[in-house]
Amino acid sequence: AILQINTPAATIPWPGAVGYASSRYALRG
């Protein structure tokens, strides 16, 4: 089993967190 811990920014990014949200989008992908 391989499990990732992610954040809601991977689904809905918020302003003022562009690098953070982008990395979480990549983790979701």
PDB file of all heavy atoms in Angstrom:
ATOM      1  N   ALA A   1       0.853  -1.189   0.000  1.00  0.00           N
ATOM      2  CA  ALA A   1       0.000   0.000   0.000  1.00  0.00           C
ATOM      3  C   ALA A   1       0.882   1.230   0.000  1.00  0.00           C
ATOM      4  O   ALA A   1       1.853   1.318   0.765  1.00  0.00           O
ATOM      5  CB  ALA A   1      -0.919   0.003   1.224  1.00  0.00           C
ATOM      6  N   ILE A   2       0.553   2.183  -0.850  1.00  0.00           N
ATOM      7  CA  ILE A   2       1.270   3.459  -0.936  1.00  0.00           C
ATOM      8  C   ILE A   2       0.242   4.562  -0.744  1.00  0.00           C
ATOM      9  O   ILE A   2      -0.733   4.657  -1.500  1.00  0.00           O
ATOM     10  CB  ILE A   2       1.976   3.619  -2.299  1.00  0.00           C
ATOM     11  CG1 ILE A   2       2.965   2.475  -2.518  1.00  0.00           C
ATOM     12  CG2 ILE A   2       2.690   4.961  -2.379  1.00  0.00           C
ATOM     13  CD1 ILE A   2       3.476   2.377  -3.944  1.00  0.00           C
ATOM     14  N   LEU A   3       0.441   5.381   0.272  1.00  0.00           N
ATOM     15  CA  LEU A   3      -0.547   6.397   0.630  1.00  0.00           C
ATOM     16  C   LEU A   3       0.123   7.764   0.719  1.00  0.00           C
ATOM     17  O   LEU A   3       1.158   7.909   1.367  1.00  0.00           O
ATOM     18  CB  LEU A   3      -1.211   6.034   1.964  1.00  0.00           C
ATOM     19  CG  LEU A   3      -2.347   6.940   2.459  1.00  0.00           C
ATOM     20  CD1 LEU A   3      -3.383   6.121   3.240  1.00  0.00           C
ATOM     21  CD2 LEU A   3      -1.834   8.074   3.348  1.00  0.00           C
ATOM     22  N   GLN A   4      -0.474   8.753   0.067  1.00  0.00           N
ATOM     23  CA  GLN A   4       0.005  10.133   0.133  1.00  0.00           C
ATOM     24  C   GLN A   4      -0.883  10.963   1.068  1.00  0.00           C
ATOM     25  O   GLN A   4      -2.110  10.815   1.053  1.00  0.00           O
ATOM     26  CB  GLN A   4      -0.004  10.788  -1.246  1.00  0.00           C
ATOM     27  CG  GLN A   4       1.210  10.493  -2.096  1.00  0.00           C
ATOM     28  CD  GLN A   4       1.293   9.060  -2.559  1.00  0.00           C
ATOM     29  OE1 GLN A   4       2.184   8.315  -2.159  1.00  0.00           O
ATOM     30  NE2 GLN A   4       0.346   8.642  -3.394  1.00  0.00           N
ATOM     31  N   ILE A   5      -0.264  11.847   1.839  1.00  0.00           N
ATOM     32  CA  ILE A   5      -1.002  12.846   2.617  1.00  0.00           C
ATOM     33  C   ILE A   5      -1.025  14.129   1.805  1.00  0.00           C
ATOM     34  O   ILE A   5       0.028  14.661   1.431  1.00  0.00           O
ATOM     35  CB  ILE A   5      -0.342  13.108   3.987  1.00  0.00           C
ATOM     36  CG1 ILE A   5      -0.214  11.806   4.787  1.00  0.00           C
ATOM     37  CG2 ILE A   5      -1.138  14.155   4.759  1.00  0.00           C
ATOM     38  CD1 ILE A   5      -1.527  11.208   5.236  1.00  0.00           C
ATOM     39  N   ASN A   6      -2.211  14.650   1.520  1.00  0.00           N
ATOM     40  CA  ASN A   6      -2.327  15.849   0.694  1.00  0.00           C
ATOM     41  C   ASN A   6      -3.132  16.924   1.429  1.00  0.00           C
ATOM     42  O   ASN A   6      -3.454  16.763   2.610  1.00  0.00           O
ATOM     43  CB  ASN A   6      -2.961  15.499  -0.657  1.00  0.00           C
ATOM     44  CG  ASN A   6      -2.397  16.341  -1.788  1.00  0.00           C
ATOM     45  OD1 ASN A   6      -2.008  17.484  -1.596  1.00  0.00           O
ATOM     46  ND2 ASN A   6      -2.352  15.774  -2.972  1.00  0.00           N
ATOM     47  N   THR A   7      -3.439  18.008   0.750  1.00  0.00           N
ATOM     48  CA  THR A   7      -4.200  19.098   1.348  1.00  0.00           C
ATOM     49  C   THR A   7      -5.287  19.557   0.382  1.00  0.00           C
ATOM     50  O   THR A   7      -5.213  19.294  -0.819  1.00  0.00           O
ATOM     51  CB  THR A   7      -3.308  20.319   1.670  1.00  0.00           C
ATOM     52  OG1 THR A   7      -3.013  21.028   0.456  1.00  0.00           O
ATOM     53  CG2 THR A   7      -2.017  19.899   2.347  1.00  0.00           C
ATOM     54  N   PRO A   8      -6.316  20.288   0.888  1.00  0.00           N
ATOM     55  CA  PRO A   8      -7.379  20.775   0.009  1.00  0.00           C
ATOM     56  C   PRO A   8      -6.893  21.676  -1.115  1.00  0.00           C
ATOM     57  O   PRO A   8      -7.577  21.829  -2.133  1.00  0.00           O
ATOM     58  CB  PRO A   8      -8.297  21.531   0.969  1.00  0.00           C
ATOM     59  CG  PRO A   8      -8.097  20.860   2.286  1.00  0.00           C
ATOM     60  CD  PRO A   8      -6.639  20.517   2.320  1.00  0.00           C
ATOM     61  N   ALA A   9      -5.707  22.281  -0.968  1.00  0.00           N
ATOM     62  CA  ALA A   9      -5.170  23.123  -2.039  1.00  0.00           C
ATOM     63  C   ALA A   9      -4.948  22.338  -3.317  1.00  0.00           C
ATOM     64  O   ALA A   9      -4.849  22.917  -4.400  1.00  0.00           O
ATOM     65  CB  ALA A   9      -3.863  23.771  -1.586  1.00  0.00           C
ATOM     66  N   ALA A  10      -4.871  21.013  -3.216  1.00  0.00           N
ATOM     67  CA  ALA A  10      -4.732  20.173  -4.398  1.00  0.00           C
ATOM     68  C   ALA A  10      -6.028  20.079  -5.189  1.00  0.00           C
ATOM     69  O   ALA A  10      -6.026  19.635  -6.342  1.00  0.00           O
ATOM     70  CB  ALA A  10      -4.280  18.770  -3.994  1.00  0.00           C
ATOM     71  N   THR A  11      -7.136  20.465  -4.573  1.00  0.00           N
ATOM     72  CA  THR A  11      -8.431  20.461  -5.249  1.00  0.00           C
ATOM     73  C   THR A  11      -8.875  21.877  -5.590  1.00  0.00           C
ATOM     74  O   THR A  11      -9.324  22.149  -6.704  1.00  0.00           O
ATOM     75  CB  THR A  11      -9.503  19.796  -4.366  1.00  0.00           C
ATOM     76  OG1 THR A  11      -9.104  18.450  -4.081  1.00  0.00           O
ATOM     77  CG2 THR A  11     -10.861  19.772  -5.070  1.00  0.00           C
ATOM     78  N   ILE A  12      -8.751  22.770  -4.608  1.00  0.00           N
ATOM     79  CA  ILE A  12      -9.159  24.164  -4.809  1.00  0.00           C
ATOM     80  C   ILE A  12      -8.033  25.064  -4.299  1.00  0.00           C
ATOM     81  O   ILE A  12      -7.903  25.287  -3.100  1.00  0.00           O
ATOM     82  CB  ILE A  12     -10.430  24.524  -4.021  1.00  0.00           C
ATOM     83  CG1 ILE A  12     -11.400  23.360  -3.957  1.00  0.00           C
ATOM     84  CG2 ILE A  12     -11.097  25.762  -4.600  1.00  0.00           C
ATOM     85  CD1 ILE A  12     -12.539  23.577  -3.004  1.00  0.00           C
ATOM     86  N   PRO A  13      -7.197  25.598  -5.185  1.00  0.00           N
ATOM     87  CA  PRO A  13      -6.136  26.492  -4.710  1.00  0.00           C
ATOM     88  C   PRO A  13      -6.721  27.806  -4.194  1.00  0.00           C
ATOM     89  O   PRO A  13      -7.801  28.217  -4.601  1.00  0.00           O
ATOM     90  CB  PRO A  13      -5.291  26.734  -5.965  1.00  0.00           C
ATOM     91  CG  PRO A  13      -6.215  26.477  -7.101  1.00  0.00           C
ATOM     92  CD  PRO A  13      -7.176  25.431  -6.644  1.00  0.00           C
ATOM     93  N   TRP A  14      -6.006  28.406  -3.257  1.00  0.00           N
ATOM     94  CA  TRP A  14      -6.439  29.706  -2.752  1.00  0.00           C
ATOM     95  C   TRP A  14      -5.386  30.750  -3.062  1.00  0.00           C
ATOM     96  O   TRP A  14      -4.219  30.425  -3.324  1.00  0.00           O
ATOM     97  CB  TRP A  14      -6.735  29.634  -1.261  1.00  0.00           C
ATOM     98  CG  TRP A  14      -5.646  29.112  -0.374  1.00  0.00           C
ATOM     99  CD1 TRP A  14      -4.525  29.761   0.023  1.00  0.00           C
ATOM    100  CD2 TRP A  14      -5.598  27.815   0.233  1.00  0.00           C
ATOM    101  NE1 TRP A  14      -3.767  28.960   0.843  1.00  0.00           N
ATOM    102  CE2 TRP A  14      -4.401  27.759   0.991  1.00  0.00           C
ATOM    103  CE3 TRP A  14      -6.446  26.696   0.223  1.00  0.00           C
ATOM    104  CZ2 TRP A  14      -4.035  26.641   1.738  1.00  0.00           C
ATOM    105  CZ3 TRP A  14      -6.073  25.584   0.950  1.00  0.00           C
ATOM    106  CH2 TRP A  14      -4.893  25.562   1.704  1.00  0.00           C
ATOM    107  N   PRO A  15      -5.746  32.016  -3.062  1.00  0.00           N
ATOM    108  CA  PRO A  15      -4.788  33.068  -3.399  1.00  0.00           C
ATOM    109  C   PRO A  15      -3.690  33.170  -2.353  1.00  0.00           C
ATOM    110  O   PRO A  15      -3.896  32.934  -1.168  1.00  0.00           O
ATOM    111  CB  PRO A  15      -5.647  34.339  -3.433  1.00  0.00           C
ATOM    112  CG  PRO A  15      -6.828  34.036  -2.576  1.00  0.00           C
ATOM    113  CD  PRO A  15      -7.084  32.572  -2.747  1.00  0.00           C
ATOM    114  N   GLY A  16      -2.497  33.526  -2.810  1.00  0.00           N
ATOM    115  CA  GLY A  16      -1.387  33.708  -1.895  1.00  0.00           C
ATOM    116  C   GLY A  16      -0.715  32.409  -1.501  1.00  0.00           C
ATOM    117  O   GLY A  16      -0.098  32.335  -0.434  1.00  0.00           O
ATOM    118  N   ALA A  17      -0.801  31.387  -2.344  1.00  0.00           N
ATOM    119  CA  ALA A  17      -0.152  30.104  -2.028  1.00  0.00           C
ATOM    120  C   ALA A  17       0.181  29.361  -3.322  1.00  0.00           C
ATOM    121  O   ALA A  17      -0.008  28.156  -3.425  1.00  0.00           O
ATOM    122  CB  ALA A  17      -1.049  29.254  -1.142  1.00  0.00           C
ATOM    123  N   VAL A  18       0.719  30.076  -4.302  1.00  0.00           N
ATOM    124  CA  VAL A  18       0.854  29.496  -5.640  1.00  0.00           C
ATOM    125  C   VAL A  18       1.839  28.329  -5.677  1.00  0.00           C
ATOM    126  O   VAL A  18       1.557  27.285  -6.286  1.00  0.00           O
ATOM    127  CB  VAL A  18       1.239  30.592  -6.667  1.00  0.00           C
ATOM    128  CG1 VAL A  18       2.606  31.196  -6.371  1.00  0.00           C
ATOM    129  CG2 VAL A  18       1.198  30.045  -8.090  1.00  0.00           C
ATOM    130  N   GLY A  19       2.985  28.472  -5.048  1.00  0.00           N
ATOM    131  CA  GLY A  19       3.950  27.374  -5.044  1.00  0.00           C
ATOM    132  C   GLY A  19       3.461  26.190  -4.234  1.00  0.00           C
ATOM    133  O   GLY A  19       3.605  25.034  -4.642  1.00  0.00           O
ATOM    134  N   TYR A  20       2.864  26.487  -3.097  1.00  0.00           N
ATOM    135  CA  TYR A  20       2.334  25.447  -2.215  1.00  0.00           C
ATOM    136  C   TYR A  20       1.240  24.655  -2.925  1.00  0.00           C
ATOM    137  O   TYR A  20       1.264  23.417  -2.963  1.00  0.00           O
ATOM    138  CB  TYR A  20       1.788  26.098  -0.950  1.00  0.00           C
ATOM    139  CG  TYR A  20       1.163  25.157   0.045  1.00  0.00           C
ATOM    140  CD1 TYR A  20       1.931  24.557   1.041  1.00  0.00           C
ATOM    141  CD2 TYR A  20      -0.195  24.874   0.008  1.00  0.00           C
ATOM    142  CE1 TYR A  20       1.358  23.684   1.965  1.00  0.00           C
ATOM    143  CE2 TYR A  20      -0.779  24.011   0.913  1.00  0.00           C
ATOM    144  CZ  TYR A  20       0.001  23.423   1.894  1.00  0.00           C
ATOM    145  OH  TYR A  20      -0.571  22.564   2.800  1.00  0.00           O
ATOM    146  N   ALA A  21       0.274  25.361  -3.507  1.00  0.00           N
ATOM    147  CA  ALA A  21      -0.843  24.686  -4.175  1.00  0.00           C
ATOM    148  C   ALA A  21      -0.364  23.893  -5.382  1.00  0.00           C
ATOM    149  O   ALA A  21      -0.841  22.781  -5.643  1.00  0.00           O
ATOM    150  CB  ALA A  21      -1.902  25.702  -4.589  1.00  0.00           C
ATOM    151  N   SER A  22       0.591  24.438  -6.127  1.00  0.00           N
ATOM    152  CA  SER A  22       1.092  23.740  -7.311  1.00  0.00           C
ATOM    153  C   SER A  22       1.746  22.418  -6.933  1.00  0.00           C
ATOM    154  O   SER A  22       1.571  21.400  -7.624  1.00  0.00           O
ATOM    155  CB  SER A  22       2.096  24.624  -8.047  1.00  0.00           C
ATOM    156  OG  SER A  22       1.488  25.813  -8.502  1.00  0.00           O
ATOM    157  N   SER A  23       2.508  22.409  -5.837  1.00  0.00           N
ATOM    158  CA  SER A  23       3.163  21.167  -5.420  1.00  0.00           C
ATOM    159  C   SER A  23       2.142  20.134  -4.982  1.00  0.00           C
ATOM    160  O   SER A  23       2.323  18.931  -5.210  1.00  0.00           O
ATOM    161  CB  SER A  23       4.156  21.450  -4.286  1.00  0.00           C
ATOM    162  OG  SER A  23       3.491  21.830  -3.092  1.00  0.00           O
ATOM    163  N   ARG A  24       1.043  20.589  -4.377  1.00  0.00           N
ATOM    164  CA  ARG A  24      -0.003  19.648  -3.949  1.00  0.00           C
ATOM    165  C   ARG A  24      -0.793  19.131  -5.143  1.00  0.00           C
ATOM    166  O   ARG A  24      -1.230  17.983  -5.165  1.00  0.00           O
ATOM    167  CB  ARG A  24      -0.929  20.319  -2.941  1.00  0.00           C
ATOM    168  CG  ARG A  24      -0.515  20.147  -1.496  1.00  0.00           C
ATOM    169  CD  ARG A  24       0.854  20.635  -1.212  1.00  0.00           C
ATOM    170  NE  ARG A  24       1.300  20.338   0.145  1.00  0.00           N
ATOM    171  CZ  ARG A  24       2.474  20.715   0.624  1.00  0.00           C
ATOM    172  NH1 ARG A  24       3.324  21.383  -0.127  1.00  0.00           N
ATOM    173  NH2 ARG A  24       2.823  20.420   1.865  1.00  0.00           N
ATOM    174  N   TYR A  25      -0.982  19.978  -6.158  1.00  0.00           N
ATOM    175  CA  TYR A  25      -1.592  19.497  -7.403  1.00  0.00           C
ATOM    176  C   TYR A  25      -0.722  18.392  -8.017  1.00  0.00           C
ATOM    177  O   TYR A  25      -1.224  17.379  -8.512  1.00  0.00           O
ATOM    178  CB  TYR A  25      -1.736  20.651  -8.402  1.00  0.00           C
ATOM    179  CG  TYR A  25      -3.125  21.198  -8.535  1.00  0.00           C
ATOM    180  CD1 TYR A  25      -3.640  22.068  -7.577  1.00  0.00           C
ATOM    181  CD2 TYR A  25      -3.929  20.864  -9.622  1.00  0.00           C
ATOM    182  CE1 TYR A  25      -4.916  22.583  -7.699  1.00  0.00           C
ATOM    183  CE2 TYR A  25      -5.204  21.382  -9.760  1.00  0.00           C
ATOM    184  CZ  TYR A  25      -5.696  22.243  -8.792  1.00  0.00           C
ATOM    185  OH  TYR A  25      -6.966  22.759  -8.916  1.00  0.00           O
ATOM    186  N   ALA A  26       0.595  18.607  -8.006  1.00  0.00           N
ATOM    187  CA  ALA A  26       1.509  17.609  -8.544  1.00  0.00           C
ATOM    188  C   ALA A  26       1.416  16.299  -7.760  1.00  0.00           C
ATOM    189  O   ALA A  26       1.440  15.206  -8.344  1.00  0.00           O
ATOM    190  CB  ALA A  26       2.946  18.134  -8.515  1.00  0.00           C
ATOM    191  N   LEU A  27       1.288  16.405  -6.441  1.00  0.00           N
ATOM    192  CA  LEU A  27       1.175  15.203  -5.615  1.00  0.00           C
ATOM    193  C   LEU A  27      -0.125  14.463  -5.909  1.00  0.00           C
ATOM    194  O   LEU A  27      -0.146  13.230  -5.954  1.00  0.00           O
ATOM    195  CB  LEU A  27       1.248  15.585  -4.134  1.00  0.00           C
ATOM    196  CG  LEU A  27       1.304  14.424  -3.140  1.00  0.00           C
ATOM    197  CD1 LEU A  27       2.560  13.590  -3.344  1.00  0.00           C
ATOM    198  CD2 LEU A  27       1.226  14.941  -1.701  1.00  0.00           C
ATOM    199  N   ARG A  28      -1.200  15.208  -6.125  1.00  0.00           N
ATOM    200  CA  ARG A  28      -2.465  14.562  -6.494  1.00  0.00           C
ATOM    201  C   ARG A  28      -2.342  13.871  -7.850  1.00  0.00           C
ATOM    202  O   ARG A  28      -2.808  12.738  -8.040  1.00  0.00           O
ATOM    203  CB  ARG A  28      -3.588  15.609  -6.551  1.00  0.00           C
ATOM    204  CG  ARG A  28      -4.975  15.009  -6.719  1.00  0.00           C
ATOM    205  CD  ARG A  28      -6.015  16.106  -6.817  1.00  0.00           C
ATOM    206  NE  ARG A  28      -6.504  16.255  -8.177  1.00  0.00           N
ATOM    207  CZ  ARG A  28      -7.221  17.274  -8.627  1.00  0.00           C
ATOM    208  NH1 ARG A  28      -7.520  18.279  -7.821  1.00  0.00           N
ATOM    209  NH2 ARG A  28      -7.638  17.327  -9.864  1.00  0.00           N
ATOM    210  N   GLY A  29      -1.679  14.531  -8.801  1.00  0.00           N
ATOM    211  CA  GLY A  29      -1.465  13.913 -10.103  1.00  0.00           C
ATOM    212  C   GLY A  29      -0.616  12.662 -10.004  1.00  0.00           C
ATOM    213  O   GLY A  29      -0.873  11.665 -10.690  1.00  0.00           O
TER     214      GLY A  29
END
